[in-house]
Protein backbone atom coordinates (compact mmCIF):
# COMPACT_ATOMS: atom_id res chain seq x y z
CA UNK A 1 -38.00 -4.25 -20.03
CA UNK A 2 -36.24 -3.88 -23.34
CA UNK A 3 -32.48 -3.99 -22.77
CA UNK A 4 -30.51 -3.01 -25.85
CA UNK A 5 -26.75 -2.76 -26.14
CA UNK A 6 -25.17 -0.84 -29.01
CA UNK A 7 -21.98 1.13 -29.81
CA UNK A 8 -21.88 4.60 -31.25
CA UNK A 9 -18.91 4.51 -33.68
CA UNK A 10 -18.38 8.27 -33.59
CA UNK A 11 -18.24 8.73 -29.85
CA UNK A 12 -17.24 5.16 -28.87
CA UNK A 13 -20.06 5.00 -26.28
CA UNK A 14 -21.60 1.71 -25.17
CA UNK A 15 -25.27 2.02 -24.13
CA UNK A 16 -28.03 0.03 -22.47
CA UNK A 17 -31.70 1.01 -22.27
CA UNK A 18 -34.52 0.51 -19.74
CA UNK A 19 -38.16 1.49 -20.35
CA UNK A 20 -40.00 2.39 -17.15
CA UNK A 21 -43.75 2.69 -16.59
CA UNK A 22 -43.25 5.95 -14.67
CA UNK A 23 -43.26 9.67 -15.38
CA UNK A 24 -39.86 11.25 -15.92
CA UNK A 25 -39.16 12.54 -12.38
CA UNK A 26 -40.33 9.36 -10.67
CA UNK A 27 -38.40 7.21 -13.14
CA UNK A 28 -35.25 9.17 -12.32
CA UNK A 29 -35.76 8.46 -8.59
CA UNK A 30 -36.41 4.77 -9.17
CA UNK A 31 -33.31 4.27 -11.37
CA UNK A 32 -31.15 6.25 -8.93
CA UNK A 33 -32.28 4.12 -6.00
CA UNK A 34 -31.65 0.87 -7.89
CA UNK A 35 -28.11 2.00 -8.73
CA UNK A 36 -27.42 3.22 -5.17
CA UNK A 37 -28.30 -0.27 -3.95
CA UNK A 38 -25.38 -1.58 -6.02
CA UNK A 39 -22.94 0.77 -4.32
CA UNK A 40 -22.95 3.57 -6.90
CA UNK A 41 -23.07 7.24 -5.93
CA UNK A 42 -25.80 8.88 -8.00
CA UNK A 43 -26.10 12.62 -8.47
CA UNK A 44 -28.91 14.25 -10.49
CA UNK A 45 -27.56 16.85 -12.91
CA UNK A 46 -29.00 20.19 -13.94
CA UNK A 47 -29.96 18.72 -17.31
CA UNK A 48 -32.08 16.01 -15.73
CA UNK A 49 -29.65 13.13 -16.22
CA UNK A 50 -28.00 11.00 -13.54
CA UNK A 51 -24.24 11.20 -12.96
CA UNK A 52 -23.27 7.75 -11.66
CA UNK A 53 -19.85 6.84 -10.19
CA UNK A 54 -18.16 4.25 -8.00
CA UNK A 55 -14.60 3.38 -6.92
CA UNK A 56 -11.45 5.38 -6.31
CA UNK A 57 -9.99 7.44 -9.16
CA UNK A 58 -6.61 7.62 -7.38
CA UNK A 59 -6.47 3.84 -6.95
CA UNK A 60 -7.38 3.29 -10.59
CA UNK A 61 -4.74 5.74 -11.84
CA UNK A 62 -2.11 3.86 -9.80
CA UNK A 63 -3.27 0.27 -10.34
CA UNK A 64 -5.16 0.61 -13.64
CA UNK A 65 -7.82 -1.95 -14.45
CA UNK A 66 -6.34 -4.24 -11.79
CA UNK A 67 -7.93 -2.17 -9.03
CA UNK A 68 -10.77 -4.73 -9.02
CA UNK A 69 -13.91 -3.56 -7.27
CA UNK A 70 -12.17 -0.27 -6.47
CA UNK A 71 -11.71 0.56 -10.14
CA UNK A 72 -13.17 3.99 -10.84
CA UNK A 73 -16.32 3.86 -12.98
CA UNK A 74 -18.38 6.83 -14.12
CA UNK A 75 -21.29 6.83 -16.53
CA UNK A 76 -24.47 8.77 -17.25
CA UNK A 77 -28.11 7.76 -17.33
CA UNK A 78 -30.12 9.96 -19.69
CA UNK A 79 -33.88 9.93 -19.23
CA UNK A 80 -36.49 11.08 -21.74
CA UNK A 81 -40.29 10.73 -22.06
CA UNK A 82 -41.40 7.62 -23.89
CA UNK A 83 -44.70 6.34 -25.23
CA UNK A 84 -44.88 3.84 -22.33
CA UNK A 85 -43.48 6.18 -19.67
CA UNK A 86 -39.72 7.00 -19.57
CA UNK A 87 -36.71 5.73 -21.50
CA UNK A 88 -33.47 5.43 -19.44
CA UNK A 89 -30.27 5.18 -21.50
CA UNK A 90 -27.00 4.11 -19.79
CA UNK A 91 -23.95 5.64 -21.50
CA UNK A 92 -20.22 5.77 -20.78
CA UNK A 93 -17.17 7.01 -22.61
CA UNK A 94 -14.69 4.30 -23.62
CA UNK A 95 -11.98 6.99 -23.73
CA UNK A 96 -12.33 7.63 -19.98
CA UNK A 97 -11.94 3.95 -19.18
CA UNK A 98 -8.84 3.73 -21.37
CA UNK A 99 -7.21 6.77 -19.74
CA UNK A 100 -7.61 5.41 -16.20
CA UNK A 101 -7.29 1.69 -16.80
CA UNK A 102 -5.72 1.16 -20.22
CA UNK A 103 -7.24 -1.08 -22.86
CA UNK A 104 -8.33 -3.57 -20.19
CA UNK A 105 -9.99 -0.76 -18.23
CA UNK A 106 -11.97 0.45 -21.25
CA UNK A 107 -13.44 -3.01 -21.79
CA UNK A 108 -14.02 -3.53 -18.05
CA UNK A 109 -16.00 -0.31 -17.68
CA UNK A 110 -18.29 -1.41 -20.50
CA UNK A 111 -18.98 -4.69 -18.68
CA UNK A 112 -19.68 -2.89 -15.39
CA UNK A 113 -22.16 -0.49 -17.04
CA UNK A 114 -24.04 -3.36 -18.70
CA UNK A 115 -24.12 -5.32 -15.42
CA UNK A 116 -25.34 -2.24 -13.55
CA UNK A 117 -28.15 -1.78 -16.09
CA UNK A 118 -29.08 -5.47 -15.80
CA UNK A 119 -29.22 -5.44 -11.98
CA UNK A 120 -31.16 -2.17 -11.98
CA UNK A 121 -33.62 -3.75 -14.43
CA UNK A 122 -34.06 -6.77 -12.14
CA UNK A 123 -34.86 -4.52 -9.17
CA UNK A 124 -37.26 -2.36 -11.14
CA UNK A 125 -38.97 -5.35 -12.76
CA UNK A 126 -39.57 -6.84 -9.31
CA UNK A 127 -41.53 -3.68 -8.49
CA UNK A 128 -43.49 -3.87 -11.72
CA UNK A 129 -42.00 -0.62 -13.03
CA UNK A 130 -40.69 -1.86 -16.40
CA UNK A 131 -42.44 -2.26 -19.69
CA UNK A 132 -42.89 -6.00 -20.27
CA UNK A 133 -42.56 -7.00 -16.60
CA UNK A 134 -39.94 -9.11 -14.87
CA UNK A 135 -40.00 -11.82 -17.49
CA UNK A 136 -38.43 -9.56 -20.09
CA UNK A 137 -35.19 -8.93 -18.13
CA UNK A 138 -32.33 -10.72 -19.98
CA UNK A 139 -29.38 -12.31 -18.19
CA UNK A 140 -26.05 -10.45 -18.32
CA UNK A 141 -23.50 -11.44 -20.97
CA UNK A 142 -20.95 -12.54 -18.34
CA UNK A 143 -20.95 -13.12 -14.56
CA UNK A 144 -20.89 -9.88 -12.62
CA UNK A 145 -17.56 -9.65 -10.81
CA UNK A 146 -17.15 -5.89 -10.32
CA UNK A 147 -20.63 -4.49 -9.76
CA UNK A 148 -20.32 -4.70 -5.99
CA UNK A 149 -23.17 -7.23 -5.42
CA UNK A 150 -24.01 -10.65 -6.79
CA UNK A 151 -26.61 -11.07 -9.49
CA UNK A 152 -29.89 -12.25 -8.01
CA UNK A 153 -30.61 -15.94 -7.97
CA UNK A 154 -34.28 -16.77 -8.00
CA UNK A 155 -36.32 -13.97 -6.54
CA UNK A 156 -34.50 -10.61 -6.55
CA UNK A 157 -33.73 -8.82 -3.30
CA UNK A 158 -36.16 -6.10 -2.24
CA UNK A 159 -35.50 -2.79 -4.00
CA UNK A 160 -34.68 0.44 -2.20
CA UNK A 161 -35.87 3.99 -2.63
CA UNK A 162 -34.15 7.30 -1.78
CA UNK A 163 -32.99 7.09 1.82
CA UNK A 164 -32.13 3.40 1.64
CA UNK A 165 -35.53 1.96 2.82
CA UNK A 166 -37.15 -0.97 1.04
CA UNK A 167 -40.07 -0.16 -1.17
CA UNK A 168 -42.99 -2.57 -1.41
CA UNK A 169 -43.65 -4.00 -4.83
CA UNK A 170 -46.84 -3.29 -6.64
CA UNK A 171 -49.71 -5.44 -5.41
CA UNK A 172 -49.32 -8.94 -6.78
CA UNK A 173 -46.03 -8.05 -8.45
CA UNK A 174 -47.83 -6.73 -11.54
CA UNK A 175 -47.04 -3.53 -13.40
CA UNK A 176 -48.41 -0.35 -11.97
CA UNK A 177 -51.81 0.61 -13.24
CA UNK A 178 -52.33 3.73 -15.29
CA UNK A 179 -54.08 6.80 -13.99
CA UNK A 180 -56.88 8.43 -15.97
CA UNK A 181 -55.34 9.93 -19.06
CA UNK A 182 -52.82 7.12 -19.63
CA UNK A 183 -50.03 8.16 -17.23
CA UNK A 184 -48.58 5.29 -15.18
CA UNK A 185 -49.11 5.40 -11.43
CA UNK A 186 -45.99 4.47 -9.45
CA UNK A 187 -46.13 2.10 -6.48
CA UNK A 188 -46.08 3.53 -2.99
CA UNK A 189 -42.79 4.83 -1.70
CA UNK A 190 -41.62 6.79 -4.76
CA UNK A 191 -42.01 10.40 -3.77
CA UNK A 192 -40.32 13.05 -5.90
CA UNK A 193 -36.71 13.75 -4.95
CA UNK A 194 -35.90 17.44 -4.35
CA UNK A 195 -33.27 19.12 -6.57
CA UNK A 196 -29.69 18.49 -5.47
CA UNK A 197 -30.50 15.19 -3.71
CA UNK A 198 -27.57 12.76 -3.69
CA UNK A 199 -28.37 9.07 -3.71
CA UNK A 200 -26.18 7.46 -1.07
CA UNK A 201 -24.16 4.26 -1.21
CA UNK A 202 -25.23 1.25 0.89
CA UNK A 203 -24.01 0.75 4.42
CA UNK A 204 -20.64 -0.98 5.01
CA UNK A 205 -20.51 -4.75 4.90
CA UNK A 206 -21.85 -6.16 8.20
CA UNK A 207 -19.06 -7.41 10.48
CA UNK A 208 -16.33 -5.77 8.37
CA UNK A 209 -15.42 -3.40 11.20
CA UNK A 210 -14.04 -6.39 13.12
CA UNK A 211 -11.62 -7.40 10.32
CA UNK A 212 -8.30 -5.87 9.29
CA UNK A 213 -7.94 -5.34 5.56
CA UNK A 214 -5.44 -7.83 4.14
CA UNK A 215 -4.17 -5.48 1.44
CA UNK A 216 -3.37 -2.88 4.14
CA UNK A 217 -1.14 -5.41 5.93
CA UNK A 218 0.62 -6.22 2.66
CA UNK A 219 1.05 -2.48 2.00
CA UNK A 220 2.98 -1.76 5.21
CA UNK A 221 5.34 -4.67 4.51
CA UNK A 222 5.92 -3.74 0.87
CA UNK A 223 6.50 -0.11 1.85
CA UNK A 224 9.87 -1.09 3.32
CA UNK A 225 11.00 -3.85 0.95
CA UNK A 226 9.43 -2.75 -2.36
CA UNK A 227 8.47 0.95 -2.12
CA UNK A 228 6.40 1.27 -5.30
CA UNK A 229 4.45 -1.85 -4.30
CA UNK A 230 3.73 -0.34 -0.89
CA UNK A 231 2.36 2.83 -2.48
CA UNK A 232 0.10 0.90 -4.88
CA UNK A 233 -1.12 -1.57 -2.25
CA UNK A 234 -1.74 1.27 0.24
CA UNK A 235 -3.86 3.18 -2.30
CA UNK A 236 -5.92 0.08 -3.06
CA UNK A 237 -6.32 -0.70 0.65
CA UNK A 238 -7.55 2.84 1.45
CA UNK A 239 -10.28 2.53 -1.17
CA UNK A 240 -11.30 -0.91 0.09
CA UNK A 241 -11.39 0.20 3.74
CA UNK A 242 -13.55 3.17 2.82
CA UNK A 243 -16.00 0.93 0.98
CA UNK A 244 -16.17 -2.03 3.36
CA UNK A 245 -15.63 -0.37 6.74
CA UNK A 246 -12.75 -2.73 7.62
CA UNK A 247 -9.86 -1.81 9.90
CA UNK A 248 -6.46 -1.00 8.41
CA UNK A 249 -6.64 2.63 7.34
CA UNK A 250 -3.52 3.43 9.42
CA UNK A 251 -1.63 0.48 7.95
CA UNK A 252 -2.56 1.55 4.42
CA UNK A 253 -1.39 5.13 5.05
CA UNK A 254 1.78 3.77 6.68
CA UNK A 255 2.50 1.66 3.59
CA UNK A 256 2.11 4.70 1.32
CA UNK A 257 4.32 6.90 3.56
CA UNK A 258 6.97 4.19 4.01
CA UNK A 259 7.04 3.53 0.27
CA UNK A 260 7.38 7.22 -0.54
CA UNK A 261 10.17 7.73 2.05
CA UNK A 262 12.08 4.66 0.88
CA UNK A 263 11.80 5.80 -2.74
CA UNK A 264 13.15 9.26 -1.86
CA UNK A 265 16.02 7.73 0.14
CA UNK A 266 16.83 5.36 -2.73
CA UNK A 267 16.97 8.29 -5.15
CA UNK A 268 19.22 10.29 -2.79
CA UNK A 269 21.58 7.33 -2.30
CA UNK A 270 21.68 6.74 -6.05
CA UNK A 271 22.55 10.39 -6.75
CA UNK A 272 25.21 10.37 -4.00
CA UNK A 273 26.86 7.24 -5.40
CA UNK A 274 26.81 8.69 -8.91
CA UNK A 275 28.46 11.92 -7.73
CA UNK A 276 31.01 9.98 -5.70
CA UNK A 277 32.10 7.91 -8.68
CA UNK A 278 32.05 10.94 -10.99
CA UNK A 279 34.19 13.06 -8.65
CA UNK A 280 36.57 10.15 -8.08
CA UNK A 281 37.06 9.69 -11.81
CA UNK A 282 37.58 13.44 -12.32
CA UNK A 283 40.14 13.73 -9.53
CA UNK A 284 42.11 10.75 -10.81
CA UNK A 285 42.39 12.22 -14.30
CA UNK A 286 42.97 15.86 -13.32
CA UNK A 287 46.50 17.32 -13.31
CA UNK A 288 48.20 20.65 -12.71
CA UNK A 289 51.43 22.18 -14.09
CA UNK A 290 53.29 21.25 -10.88
CA UNK A 291 52.26 17.57 -10.92
CA UNK A 292 55.09 15.15 -11.70
CA UNK A 293 54.85 13.42 -15.06
CA UNK A 294 55.31 9.66 -14.77
CA UNK A 295 56.39 7.59 -17.77
CA UNK A 296 53.96 4.63 -18.03
CA UNK A 297 56.53 2.25 -19.48
CA UNK A 298 60.08 2.29 -20.73
CA UNK A 299 59.06 1.73 -24.33
CA UNK A 300 56.73 4.76 -24.21
CA UNK A 301 59.32 7.31 -23.06
CA UNK A 302 61.69 9.35 -25.16
CA UNK A 303 64.17 12.19 -24.78
CA UNK A 304 62.64 15.68 -24.60
CA UNK A 305 65.19 18.22 -25.85
CA UNK A 306 65.16 21.94 -25.10
CA UNK A 307 62.60 23.70 -27.31
CA UNK A 308 60.04 20.85 -27.17
CA UNK A 309 56.47 22.16 -26.87
CA UNK A 310 53.74 20.28 -25.00
CA UNK A 311 49.98 20.57 -24.69
CA UNK A 312 48.13 20.42 -21.37
CA UNK A 313 48.51 16.91 -20.02
CA UNK A 314 45.26 15.15 -19.08
CA UNK A 315 47.17 12.40 -17.25
CA UNK A 316 50.37 12.20 -15.22
CA UNK A 317 52.25 10.70 -18.17
CA UNK A 318 54.19 12.35 -20.99
CA UNK A 319 53.82 10.48 -24.27
CA UNK A 320 54.37 11.29 -27.92
CA UNK A 321 50.75 12.41 -28.11
CA UNK A 322 51.57 15.37 -25.87
CA UNK A 323 54.30 16.77 -28.13
CA UNK A 324 53.27 19.60 -30.48
CA UNK A 325 54.92 21.72 -33.11
CA UNK A 326 55.68 25.04 -31.41
CA UNK A 327 53.98 26.81 -34.33
CA UNK A 328 50.69 25.37 -33.00
CA UNK A 329 48.98 26.65 -29.83
CA UNK A 330 50.56 24.90 -26.84
CA UNK A 331 50.77 25.17 -23.05
CA UNK A 332 54.43 24.55 -22.15
CA UNK A 333 57.89 24.71 -23.70
CA UNK A 334 60.91 22.89 -22.26
CA UNK A 335 63.74 25.42 -21.83
CA UNK A 336 66.21 23.40 -19.70
CA UNK A 337 66.86 20.02 -18.07
CA UNK A 338 69.45 18.62 -15.69
CA UNK A 339 70.21 15.45 -13.72
CA UNK A 340 70.31 15.13 -9.96
CA UNK A 341 72.85 13.07 -8.03
CA UNK A 342 72.26 9.33 -7.79
CA UNK A 343 71.61 7.58 -4.47
CA UNK A 344 68.61 7.24 -2.20
CA UNK A 345 65.47 9.15 -3.14
CA UNK A 346 66.20 12.69 -1.82
CA UNK A 347 62.61 13.93 -1.52
CA UNK A 348 60.55 16.78 -2.98
CA UNK A 349 62.24 19.53 -0.95
CA UNK A 350 65.63 18.73 -2.48
CA UNK A 351 64.16 18.70 -5.99
CA UNK A 352 62.44 22.04 -5.38
CA UNK A 353 65.66 23.70 -4.18
CA UNK A 354 67.70 22.45 -7.12
CA UNK A 355 64.97 23.25 -9.65
CA UNK A 356 64.61 26.88 -8.56
CA UNK A 357 68.38 27.36 -8.60
CA UNK A 358 69.11 25.84 -11.99
CA UNK A 359 65.84 26.77 -13.79
CA UNK A 360 66.31 30.42 -12.73
CA UNK A 361 69.80 30.44 -14.22
CA UNK A 362 68.64 28.81 -17.46
CA UNK A 363 65.58 31.10 -17.72
CA UNK A 364 67.60 34.27 -18.43
CA UNK A 365 69.74 32.50 -21.05
CA UNK A 366 66.62 31.11 -22.83
CA UNK A 367 64.33 34.18 -22.73
CA UNK A 368 66.97 36.92 -22.92
CA UNK A 369 66.08 38.74 -19.67
CA UNK A 370 66.24 37.67 -15.98
CA UNK A 371 63.27 35.85 -14.46
CA UNK A 372 62.62 38.80 -12.11
CA UNK A 373 62.10 41.15 -15.08
CA UNK A 374 60.00 38.77 -17.18
CA UNK A 375 56.20 38.50 -17.50
CA UNK A 376 56.59 34.79 -18.19
CA UNK A 377 56.71 32.01 -15.60
CA UNK A 378 57.96 28.45 -15.35
CA UNK A 379 57.36 25.18 -13.53
CA UNK A 380 59.37 22.01 -13.25
CA UNK A 381 58.92 18.24 -13.39
CA UNK A 382 60.84 16.01 -11.01
CA UNK A 383 61.11 12.26 -10.40
CA UNK A 384 58.73 10.45 -8.04
CA UNK A 385 59.57 7.50 -5.80
CA UNK A 386 58.20 5.16 -8.48
CA UNK A 387 60.20 6.66 -11.37
CA UNK A 388 63.30 7.09 -9.16
CA UNK A 389 63.25 3.32 -8.58
CA UNK A 390 63.17 2.90 -12.37
CA UNK A 391 66.28 5.08 -12.82
CA UNK A 392 64.69 8.51 -13.44
CA UNK A 393 67.09 11.29 -12.36
CA UNK A 394 66.03 14.18 -14.65
CA UNK A 395 64.34 17.48 -13.78
CA UNK A 396 62.67 19.38 -16.64
CA UNK A 397 62.18 23.18 -16.62
CA UNK A 398 59.04 24.29 -18.56
CA UNK A 399 58.20 27.90 -19.43
CA UNK A 400 54.63 29.23 -20.00
CA UNK A 401 52.74 32.52 -20.30
CA UNK A 402 50.40 32.92 -17.27
CA UNK A 403 48.37 35.65 -19.01
CA UNK A 404 46.98 33.35 -21.69
CA UNK A 405 45.85 29.75 -21.82
CA UNK A 406 48.13 28.85 -24.73
CA UNK A 407 50.93 30.44 -26.73
CA UNK A 408 51.93 30.10 -30.37
CA UNK A 409 55.57 29.97 -31.43
CA UNK A 410 58.66 29.55 -29.28
CA UNK A 411 59.35 31.84 -26.35
CA UNK A 412 63.12 31.57 -26.85
CA UNK A 413 64.79 35.02 -27.02
CA UNK A 414 61.37 36.66 -26.63
CA UNK A 415 62.74 39.07 -23.96
CA UNK A 416 59.29 39.22 -22.32
């Protein structure tokens, strides 16, 4: 066998080559069987090539190149007539490996393809189907850790043919003899494969059905304590259980479901907490015209004479920042103020009664017409228990136009 490795700079495709002493159709069957022995699924294509794949695409997308033996690998084997029989070229796209496994995945796929070509060459050389015989098969560049089987030590394991049955090597282990006319004659057991035949993967690992997959157990635990870890471990475990035949499929699915549910609940709780804090902050800063205005400190208060214009207050305090020139758009205008009797805090009902009585009387004098005939309205500000304890005894009467958000200019003597 001549095994060559090269890289096409334009397409970024790593390749390996095998030369078989077989006609094209029989060479395709022999290569497909050798790859199926390694755990690959091999599908002949309409163009005569072999579409080779192994591993779980879903697991690889989730775990990347760290999916180990379950990392998704797909490559093509192109076969063409050769002077000695058939040339088989192993090709894969580095872009595909990068998309599913990142930079590490792209390099790992290249190693797996070269190892697969090497192990296939060992099997075929044992049967005497390669140009140059078994002695020409080179060792792989690095130990095979992801091909699914160990590299042969000493004599290779018996090869398989379509259907999974061992095929006897050529008599004496020598290359197949050529038929009259120069065409190689394949050993027994290599009948032509009908169109659409799918080379199957090997049987599950013996005894695996008695074991519970360790990753599946980890997945169900992580699903509750670290949701994303449960989803990743469950995906990896499903692929491993499918390949090895171990127990644990239910645990793996449980880990994925538990992880997904816990993630959804975490998102809902996070959104609820965010809304709770946002609504709490909004309610604490919101005010209405009837809310009492509390002076924050004695040094931040000042007298508000009749005719003072104010903007809409964002807090429950009146400060100098709230005072505007009445020529500017504003929300309120103070048209009267009066003091209530000293003593114990009388309560809101007393303030309301006095405010309506005295603000009504002052309204007509300020606007020029009685309150009942006016289109304008007013509200009042009264002391609270906190400001009463600080000596606040004043009630302010504030006029505003309910038909517009803001007014410009004073409403004194407007007769509206």
